[in-house]
């Protein structure tokens, strides 16, 4: 098998061949972002260990996989699809494959759950969690506060009313859940595979701006003009919509 992996790597200028990758219990290992194809003879992630897959990886082929209890393969968000082929292996209870979308920010929109194509051939497992939920939407902007009014004079002039606060912006919609294609043998226990496909939560509503304070009367000895009213606070925006759910497609061979 090692010779086959090396031969495949030589035929692809962007492939990286690794004989063995091991992640110890309760530790985290991040793969380098130097290739788009990874060929692994043996991948072992001990109990509660985590292997981080960079966004640029789009094809992972594993000859032998061992996932311990609560072990995790965490795949970075990306709009590119990723294919994961496992020829043989064992997956312990509580193991996960996560490829959730990223939450949005002021400068970037929310990303959907990653599109995954997972092929499990001679793999022994009773349970497996696959999580491709979408990212949370961008929050609405906060409204600006209203300006304060101007004070009046002692014997002439008029105090001005406080300005109204600006309304808050609406939250953006959450990103969609990912698309998962699961290829498994006819006798594979599909009922033990739990897939989270929900779209991301909508962004929070922006808060309204505070009302401006009305101009006050000037403290004069004999005379002073009346103070003015405060402005009105701005209304909060609307929360964003929940993203569309993803889809699971099971193919038996």
C-alpha atoms as a PDB file:
ATOM      1  CA  UNK A   1       0.000   0.000   0.000  1.00  0.00           C
ATOM      2  CA  UNK A   2       2.872   2.378   0.759  1.00  0.00           C
ATOM      3  CA  UNK A   3       4.254   1.921  -2.750  1.00  0.00           C
ATOM      4  CA  UNK A   4       0.838   2.690  -4.225  1.00  0.00           C
ATOM      5  CA  UNK A   5       0.575   5.884  -2.204  1.00  0.00           C
ATOM      6  CA  UNK A   6       4.020   7.046  -3.224  1.00  0.00           C
ATOM      7  CA  UNK A   7       3.287   6.248  -6.855  1.00  0.00           C
ATOM      8  CA  UNK A   8       0.078   8.279  -6.697  1.00  0.00           C
ATOM      9  CA  UNK A   9       1.957  11.168  -5.084  1.00  0.00           C
ATOM     10  CA  UNK A  10       4.560  11.195  -7.838  1.00  0.00           C
ATOM     11  CA  UNK A  11       1.803  11.493 -10.410  1.00  0.00           C
ATOM     12  CA  UNK A  12       0.313  14.586  -8.773  1.00  0.00           C
ATOM     13  CA  UNK A  13       2.443  17.722  -8.211  1.00  0.00           C
ATOM     14  CA  UNK A  14       0.107  18.927  -5.447  1.00  0.00           C
ATOM     15  CA  UNK A  15      -0.141  15.634  -3.520  1.00  0.00           C
ATOM     16  CA  UNK A  16       1.595  14.917  -0.225  1.00  0.00           C
ATOM     17  CA  UNK A  17       2.181  11.309   0.913  1.00  0.00           C
ATOM     18  CA  UNK A  18       2.469  10.524   4.619  1.00  0.00           C
ATOM     19  CA  UNK A  19       3.177   6.991   5.869  1.00  0.00           C
ATOM     20  CA  UNK A  20       1.773   7.529   9.380  1.00  0.00           C
ATOM     21  CA  UNK A  21       0.027  10.416  11.133  1.00  0.00           C
ATOM     22  CA  UNK A  22      -0.578  10.021  14.868  1.00  0.00           C
ATOM     23  CA  UNK A  23      -2.421  12.378  17.216  1.00  0.00           C
ATOM     24  CA  UNK A  24      -1.976  11.649  20.907  1.00  0.00           C
ATOM     25  CA  UNK A  25      -4.792  11.677  23.428  1.00  0.00           C
ATOM     26  CA  UNK A  26      -6.082  15.154  24.438  1.00  0.00           C
ATOM     27  CA  UNK A  27      -3.809  16.902  21.929  1.00  0.00           C
ATOM     28  CA  UNK A  28      -4.342  18.841  18.732  1.00  0.00           C
ATOM     29  CA  UNK A  29      -2.382  18.486  15.487  1.00  0.00           C
ATOM     30  CA  UNK A  30      -2.707  20.917  12.582  1.00  0.00           C
ATOM     31  CA  UNK A  31      -1.713  19.708   9.123  1.00  0.00           C
ATOM     32  CA  UNK A  32       0.384  22.114   7.026  1.00  0.00           C
ATOM     33  CA  UNK A  33      -1.436  24.076   4.330  1.00  0.00           C
ATOM     34  CA  UNK A  34       0.974  23.106   1.550  1.00  0.00           C
ATOM     35  CA  UNK A  35      -1.054  20.733  -0.593  1.00  0.00           C
ATOM     36  CA  UNK A  36      -4.537  20.005  -1.902  1.00  0.00           C
ATOM     37  CA  UNK A  37      -4.256  16.192  -1.862  1.00  0.00           C
ATOM     38  CA  UNK A  38      -3.131  14.126   1.137  1.00  0.00           C
ATOM     39  CA  UNK A  39      -2.335  10.404   0.907  1.00  0.00           C
ATOM     40  CA  UNK A  40      -1.967   8.623   4.252  1.00  0.00           C
ATOM     41  CA  UNK A  41      -1.060   5.011   4.874  1.00  0.00           C
ATOM     42  CA  UNK A  42      -2.200   5.100   8.513  1.00  0.00           C
ATOM     43  CA  UNK A  43      -4.007   7.798  10.487  1.00  0.00           C
ATOM     44  CA  UNK A  44      -4.530   7.259  14.208  1.00  0.00           C
ATOM     45  CA  UNK A  45      -6.233   9.810  16.456  1.00  0.00           C
ATOM     46  CA  UNK A  46      -6.296   8.725  20.105  1.00  0.00           C
ATOM     47  CA  UNK A  47      -9.154   9.364  22.539  1.00  0.00           C
ATOM     48  CA  UNK A  48     -10.134  13.057  22.667  1.00  0.00           C
ATOM     49  CA  UNK A  49      -7.472  13.993  20.118  1.00  0.00           C
ATOM     50  CA  UNK A  50      -8.123  16.406  17.234  1.00  0.00           C
ATOM     51  CA  UNK A  51      -6.652  16.618  13.743  1.00  0.00           C
ATOM     52  CA  UNK A  52      -7.171  19.996  12.017  1.00  0.00           C
ATOM     53  CA  UNK A  53      -7.545  19.909   8.227  1.00  0.00           C
ATOM     54  CA  UNK A  54      -6.693  23.224   6.467  1.00  0.00           C
ATOM     55  CA  UNK A  55      -9.110  24.822   4.029  1.00  0.00           C
ATOM     56  CA  UNK A  56      -6.900  24.156   1.001  1.00  0.00           C
ATOM     57  CA  UNK A  57      -7.110  20.369   1.292  1.00  0.00           C
ATOM     58  CA  UNK A  58      -9.712  18.972  -1.101  1.00  0.00           C
ATOM     59  CA  UNK A  59      -8.828  15.268  -1.302  1.00  0.00           C
ATOM     60  CA  UNK A  60      -7.763  12.972   1.564  1.00  0.00           C
ATOM     61  CA  UNK A  61      -7.148   9.261   0.965  1.00  0.00           C
ATOM     62  CA  UNK A  62      -6.488   7.064   3.986  1.00  0.00           C
ATOM     63  CA  UNK A  63      -5.500   3.405   3.753  1.00  0.00           C
ATOM     64  CA  UNK A  64      -6.099   2.686   7.458  1.00  0.00           C
ATOM     65  CA  UNK A  65      -7.974   4.891   9.950  1.00  0.00           C
ATOM     66  CA  UNK A  66      -8.210   4.587  13.736  1.00  0.00           C
ATOM     67  CA  UNK A  67     -10.438   7.087  15.556  1.00  0.00           C
ATOM     68  CA  UNK A  68     -10.583   6.823  19.352  1.00  0.00           C
ATOM     69  CA  UNK A  69     -13.403   7.838  21.663  1.00  0.00           C
ATOM     70  CA  UNK A  70     -14.400  11.483  21.197  1.00  0.00           C
ATOM     71  CA  UNK A  71     -11.630  11.808  18.602  1.00  0.00           C
ATOM     72  CA  UNK A  72     -12.227  14.444  15.962  1.00  0.00           C
ATOM     73  CA  UNK A  73     -11.279  15.283  12.404  1.00  0.00           C
ATOM     74  CA  UNK A  74     -11.957  19.034  12.198  1.00  0.00           C
ATOM     75  CA  UNK A  75     -12.113  20.439   8.665  1.00  0.00           C
ATOM     76  CA  UNK A  76     -11.689  24.186   8.127  1.00  0.00           C
ATOM     77  CA  UNK A  77     -14.487  26.112   6.369  1.00  0.00           C
ATOM     78  CA  UNK A  78     -14.161  26.560   2.620  1.00  0.00           C
ATOM     79  CA  UNK A  79     -16.378  26.934  -0.419  1.00  0.00           C
ATOM     80  CA  UNK A  80     -14.436  24.076  -2.032  1.00  0.00           C
ATOM     81  CA  UNK A  81     -15.748  20.525  -1.664  1.00  0.00           C
ATOM     82  CA  UNK A  82     -13.617  17.936   0.141  1.00  0.00           C
ATOM     83  CA  UNK A  83     -13.453  14.194  -0.556  1.00  0.00           C
ATOM     84  CA  UNK A  84     -12.443  11.772   2.198  1.00  0.00           C
ATOM     85  CA  UNK A  85     -11.745   8.146   1.190  1.00  0.00           C
ATOM     86  CA  UNK A  86     -11.078   5.537   3.880  1.00  0.00           C
ATOM     87  CA  UNK A  87     -10.128   2.038   2.740  1.00  0.00           C
ATOM     88  CA  UNK A  88     -10.250   0.339   6.168  1.00  0.00           C
ATOM     89  CA  UNK A  89     -10.390   1.207   9.829  1.00  0.00           C
ATOM     90  CA  UNK A  90     -12.200   1.414  13.155  1.00  0.00           C
ATOM     91  CA  UNK A  91     -14.185   4.311  14.580  1.00  0.00           C
ATOM     92  CA  UNK A  92     -14.915   4.360  18.327  1.00  0.00           C
ATOM     93  CA  UNK A  93     -18.105   5.777  19.886  1.00  0.00           C
ATOM     94  CA  UNK A  94     -18.257   9.565  20.064  1.00  0.00           C
ATOM     95  CA  UNK A  95     -15.851  10.140  17.148  1.00  0.00           C
ATOM     96  CA  UNK A  96     -16.661  13.120  14.931  1.00  0.00           C
ATOM     97  CA  UNK A  97     -15.989  14.608  11.529  1.00  0.00           C
ATOM     98  CA  UNK A  98     -16.754  18.330  11.733  1.00  0.00           C
ATOM     99  CA  UNK A  99     -16.822  20.746   8.813  1.00  0.00           C
ATOM    100  CA  UNK A 100     -18.959  23.600  10.096  1.00  0.00           C
ATOM    101  CA  UNK A 101     -19.249  26.936   8.352  1.00  0.00           C
ATOM    102  CA  UNK A 102     -17.684  30.095   9.747  1.00  0.00           C
ATOM    103  CA  UNK A 103     -19.688  32.909  11.370  1.00  0.00           C
ATOM    104  CA  UNK A 104     -19.896  36.184   9.493  1.00  0.00           C
ATOM    105  CA  UNK A 105     -18.165  39.387  10.530  1.00  0.00           C
ATOM    106  CA  UNK A 106     -18.189  43.029   9.513  1.00  0.00           C
ATOM    107  CA  UNK A 107     -15.751  42.300   6.672  1.00  0.00           C
ATOM    108  CA  UNK A 108     -16.731  38.755   5.642  1.00  0.00           C
ATOM    109  CA  UNK A 109     -20.069  36.981   5.095  1.00  0.00           C
ATOM    110  CA  UNK A 110     -20.970  33.780   6.904  1.00  0.00           C
ATOM    111  CA  UNK A 111     -19.691  30.600   5.242  1.00  0.00           C
ATOM    112  CA  UNK A 112     -21.849  27.498   4.699  1.00  0.00           C
ATOM    113  CA  UNK A 113     -21.042  24.073   6.061  1.00  0.00           C
ATOM    114  CA  UNK A 114     -18.495  22.390   3.826  1.00  0.00           C
ATOM    115  CA  UNK A 115     -19.538  20.063   1.035  1.00  0.00           C
ATOM    116  CA  UNK A 116     -18.222  16.595   1.892  1.00  0.00           C
ATOM    117  CA  UNK A 117     -17.976  13.352  -0.032  1.00  0.00           C
ATOM    118  CA  UNK A 118     -17.087  10.567   2.423  1.00  0.00           C
ATOM    119  CA  UNK A 119     -16.378   6.997   1.281  1.00  0.00           C
ATOM    120  CA  UNK A 120     -15.982   4.357   3.989  1.00  0.00           C
ATOM    121  CA  UNK A 121     -15.096   0.896   2.686  1.00  0.00           C
ATOM    122  CA  UNK A 122     -14.018  -1.723   5.252  1.00  0.00           C
ATOM    123  CA  UNK A 123     -14.704   0.451   8.294  1.00  0.00           C
ATOM    124  CA  UNK A 124     -16.021  -0.936  11.584  1.00  0.00           C
ATOM    125  CA  UNK A 125     -18.160   1.460  13.634  1.00  0.00           C
ATOM    126  CA  UNK A 126     -21.436   1.709  15.481  1.00  0.00           C
ATOM    127  CA  UNK A 127     -21.711   5.508  15.737  1.00  0.00           C
ATOM    128  CA  UNK A 128     -20.286   8.497  13.888  1.00  0.00           C
ATOM    129  CA  UNK A 129     -21.153  12.189  14.046  1.00  0.00           C
ATOM    130  CA  UNK A 130     -20.767  14.393  10.963  1.00  0.00           C
ATOM    131  CA  UNK A 131     -21.351  18.117  11.597  1.00  0.00           C
ATOM    132  CA  UNK A 132     -21.727  20.491   8.622  1.00  0.00           C
ATOM    133  CA  UNK A 133     -23.916  23.198  10.126  1.00  0.00           C
ATOM    134  CA  UNK A 134     -23.797  26.635   8.534  1.00  0.00           C
ATOM    135  CA  UNK A 135     -22.181  29.704  10.056  1.00  0.00           C
ATOM    136  CA  UNK A 136     -24.048  32.379  11.981  1.00  0.00           C
ATOM    137  CA  UNK A 137     -25.116  35.461  10.001  1.00  0.00           C
ATOM    138  CA  UNK A 138     -23.555  38.897  10.371  1.00  0.00           C
ATOM    139  CA  UNK A 139     -25.195  40.995  13.120  1.00  0.00           C
ATOM    140  CA  UNK A 140     -26.996  44.201  12.169  1.00  0.00           C
ATOM    141  CA  UNK A 141     -25.195  47.470  12.809  1.00  0.00           C
ATOM    142  CA  UNK A 142     -26.070  49.565  15.854  1.00  0.00           C
ATOM    143  CA  UNK A 143     -27.899  52.806  15.121  1.00  0.00           C
ATOM    144  CA  UNK A 144     -26.148  56.108  15.821  1.00  0.00           C
ATOM    145  CA  UNK A 145     -27.183  58.132  18.855  1.00  0.00           C
ATOM    146  CA  UNK A 146     -29.162  61.292  18.253  1.00  0.00           C
ATOM    147  CA  UNK A 147     -27.379  64.609  18.789  1.00  0.00           C
ATOM    148  CA  UNK A 148     -28.289  66.676  21.839  1.00  0.00           C
ATOM    149  CA  UNK A 149     -30.282  69.850  21.436  1.00  0.00           C
ATOM    150  CA  UNK A 150     -28.839  73.311  22.070  1.00  0.00           C
ATOM    151  CA  UNK A 151     -29.581  75.228  25.235  1.00  0.00           C
ATOM    152  CA  UNK A 152     -31.622  78.422  25.116  1.00  0.00           C
ATOM    153  CA  UNK A 153     -30.544  81.876  26.250  1.00  0.00           C
ATOM    154  CA  UNK A 154     -31.613  83.878  29.297  1.00  0.00           C
ATOM    155  CA  UNK A 155     -33.881  86.454  27.624  1.00  0.00           C
ATOM    156  CA  UNK A 156     -34.045  85.386  23.988  1.00  0.00           C
ATOM    157  CA  UNK A 157     -33.421  82.378  21.765  1.00  0.00           C
ATOM    158  CA  UNK A 158     -35.037  78.975  21.944  1.00  0.00           C
ATOM    159  CA  UNK A 159     -33.700  75.648  23.156  1.00  0.00           C
ATOM    160  CA  UNK A 160     -33.683  73.028  20.399  1.00  0.00           C
ATOM    161  CA  UNK A 161     -35.163  69.537  20.652  1.00  0.00           C
ATOM    162  CA  UNK A 162     -32.876  66.501  20.911  1.00  0.00           C
ATOM    163  CA  UNK A 163     -32.438  64.592  17.677  1.00  0.00           C
ATOM    164  CA  UNK A 164     -33.887  61.102  17.225  1.00  0.00           C
ATOM    165  CA  UNK A 165     -31.624  58.044  17.451  1.00  0.00           C
ATOM    166  CA  UNK A 166     -30.954  56.138  14.242  1.00  0.00           C
ATOM    167  CA  UNK A 167     -32.650  52.795  13.697  1.00  0.00           C
ATOM    168  CA  UNK A 168     -30.527  49.641  14.018  1.00  0.00           C
ATOM    169  CA  UNK A 169     -29.684  47.538  10.983  1.00  0.00           C
ATOM    170  CA  UNK A 170     -31.213  44.139  10.258  1.00  0.00           C
ATOM    171  CA  UNK A 171     -29.166  41.001  10.923  1.00  0.00           C
ATOM    172  CA  UNK A 172     -28.001  39.014   7.894  1.00  0.00           C
ATOM    173  CA  UNK A 173     -29.216  35.506   7.143  1.00  0.00           C
ATOM    174  CA  UNK A 174     -27.235  32.538   8.419  1.00  0.00           C
ATOM    175  CA  UNK A 175     -25.268  30.437   5.944  1.00  0.00           C
ATOM    176  CA  UNK A 176     -26.640  27.160   4.619  1.00  0.00           C
ATOM    177  CA  UNK A 177     -25.789  23.759   6.031  1.00  0.00           C
ATOM    178  CA  UNK A 178     -23.381  21.615   4.038  1.00  0.00           C
ATOM    179  CA  UNK A 179     -24.014  18.912   1.455  1.00  0.00           C
ATOM    180  CA  UNK A 180     -22.882  15.418   2.475  1.00  0.00           C
ATOM    181  CA  UNK A 181     -22.517  12.396   0.199  1.00  0.00           C
ATOM    182  CA  UNK A 182     -21.872   9.229   2.212  1.00  0.00           C
ATOM    183  CA  UNK A 183     -20.706   6.160   0.286  1.00  0.00           C
ATOM    184  CA  UNK A 184     -20.800   2.960   2.354  1.00  0.00           C
ATOM    185  CA  UNK A 185     -21.111  -0.822   1.848  1.00  0.00           C
ATOM    186  CA  UNK A 186     -24.558  -2.404   1.817  1.00  0.00           C
ATOM    187  CA  UNK A 187     -24.141  -3.788   5.367  1.00  0.00           C
ATOM    188  CA  UNK A 188     -22.808  -0.552   6.900  1.00  0.00           C
ATOM    189  CA  UNK A 189     -24.849   0.601   9.987  1.00  0.00           C
ATOM    190  CA  UNK A 190     -26.101   3.884   8.533  1.00  0.00           C
ATOM    191  CA  UNK A 191     -28.555   4.302  11.413  1.00  0.00           C
ATOM    192  CA  UNK A 192     -25.577   4.961  13.681  1.00  0.00           C
ATOM    193  CA  UNK A 193     -24.419   7.918  11.600  1.00  0.00           C
ATOM    194  CA  UNK A 194     -25.742  11.250  12.893  1.00  0.00           C
ATOM    195  CA  UNK A 195     -25.425  14.197  10.512  1.00  0.00           C
ATOM    196  CA  UNK A 196     -26.045  17.816  11.576  1.00  0.00           C
ATOM    197  CA  UNK A 197     -27.223  19.739   8.516  1.00  0.00           C
ATOM    198  CA  UNK A 198     -28.895  22.820  10.031  1.00  0.00           C
ATOM    199  CA  UNK A 199     -28.347  26.241   8.543  1.00  0.00           C
ATOM    200  CA  UNK A 200     -26.640  28.890  10.632  1.00  0.00           C
ATOM    201  CA  UNK A 201     -28.574  31.127  12.984  1.00  0.00           C
ATOM    202  CA  UNK A 202     -29.465  34.555  11.658  1.00  0.00           C
ATOM    203  CA  UNK A 203     -27.430  37.540  12.751  1.00  0.00           C
ATOM    204  CA  UNK A 204     -28.655  39.463  15.776  1.00  0.00           C
ATOM    205  CA  UNK A 205     -30.673  42.635  15.217  1.00  0.00           C
ATOM    206  CA  UNK A 206     -28.803  45.909  15.520  1.00  0.00           C
ATOM    207  CA  UNK A 207     -29.793  48.023  18.502  1.00  0.00           C
ATOM    208  CA  UNK A 208     -31.365  51.433  17.983  1.00  0.00           C
ATOM    209  CA  UNK A 209     -29.447  54.598  18.767  1.00  0.00           C
ATOM    210  CA  UNK A 210     -30.085  56.514  21.975  1.00  0.00           C
ATOM    211  CA  UNK A 211     -32.237  59.620  21.870  1.00  0.00           C
ATOM    212  CA  UNK A 212     -30.573  63.018  21.936  1.00  0.00           C
ATOM    213  CA  UNK A 213     -31.182  65.108  25.049  1.00  0.00           C
ATOM    214  CA  UNK A 214     -33.244  68.230  24.564  1.00  0.00           C
ATOM    215  CA  UNK A 215     -31.604  71.598  25.059  1.00  0.00           C
ATOM    216  CA  UNK A 216     -31.835  72.744  28.689  1.00  0.00           C
ATOM    217  CA  UNK A 217     -32.841  76.132  29.915  1.00  0.00           C
ATOM    218  CA  UNK A 218     -29.923  78.321  30.994  1.00  0.00           C
ATOM    219  CA  UNK A 219     -29.678  78.967  34.705  1.00  0.00           C
ATOM    220  CA  UNK A 220     -30.279  82.704  34.748  1.00  0.00           C
ATOM    221  CA  UNK A 221     -31.070  84.956  37.694  1.00  0.00           C
ATOM    222  CA  UNK A 222     -34.344  86.569  36.537  1.00  0.00           C
ATOM    223  CA  UNK A 223     -35.368  85.028  33.221  1.00  0.00           C
ATOM    224  CA  UNK A 224     -34.708  81.852  31.233  1.00  0.00           C
ATOM    225  CA  UNK A 225     -36.309  80.180  28.222  1.00  0.00           C
ATOM    226  CA  UNK A 226     -37.974  76.793  28.496  1.00  0.00           C
ATOM    227  CA  UNK A 227     -35.997  73.611  27.919  1.00  0.00           C
ATOM    228  CA  UNK A 228     -36.729  71.479  24.826  1.00  0.00           C
ATOM    229  CA  UNK A 229     -37.927  67.905  24.587  1.00  0.00           C
ATOM    230  CA  UNK A 230     -35.632  64.906  24.170  1.00  0.00           C
ATOM    231  CA  UNK A 231     -35.558  63.086  20.859  1.00  0.00           C
ATOM    232  CA  UNK A 232     -36.920  59.596  20.297  1.00  0.00           C
ATOM    233  CA  UNK A 233     -34.708  56.498  20.576  1.00  0.00           C
ATOM    234  CA  UNK A 234     -34.112  54.590  17.367  1.00  0.00           C
ATOM    235  CA  UNK A 235     -35.881  51.300  16.737  1.00  0.00           C
ATOM    236  CA  UNK A 236     -33.968  48.021  16.784  1.00  0.00           C
ATOM    237  CA  UNK A 237     -33.547  46.174  13.478  1.00  0.00           C
ATOM    238  CA  UNK A 238     -34.885  42.727  12.650  1.00  0.00           C
ATOM    239  CA  UNK A 239     -32.935  39.512  13.347  1.00  0.00           C
ATOM    240  CA  UNK A 240     -31.597  37.675  10.299  1.00  0.00           C
ATOM    241  CA  UNK A 241     -33.243  34.555   8.912  1.00  0.00           C
ATOM    242  CA  UNK A 242     -31.949  31.060   9.665  1.00  0.00           C
ATOM    243  CA  UNK A 243     -29.871  29.591   6.832  1.00  0.00           C
ATOM    244  CA  UNK A 244     -31.216  26.790   4.666  1.00  0.00           C
ATOM    245  CA  UNK A 245     -30.625  23.231   5.856  1.00  0.00           C
ATOM    246  CA  UNK A 246     -28.082  21.068   4.054  1.00  0.00           C
ATOM    247  CA  UNK A 247     -28.671  17.663   2.517  1.00  0.00           C
ATOM    248  CA  UNK A 248     -27.489  14.085   3.103  1.00  0.00           C
ATOM    249  CA  UNK A 249     -27.206  11.617   0.237  1.00  0.00           C
ATOM    250  CA  UNK A 250     -26.380   7.998   1.181  1.00  0.00           C
ATOM    251  CA  UNK A 251     -25.014   5.752  -1.559  1.00  0.00           C
ATOM    252  CA  UNK A 252     -24.519   2.039  -0.916  1.00  0.00           C
ATOM    253  CA  UNK A 253     -22.121  -0.117  -2.912  1.00  0.00           C
END
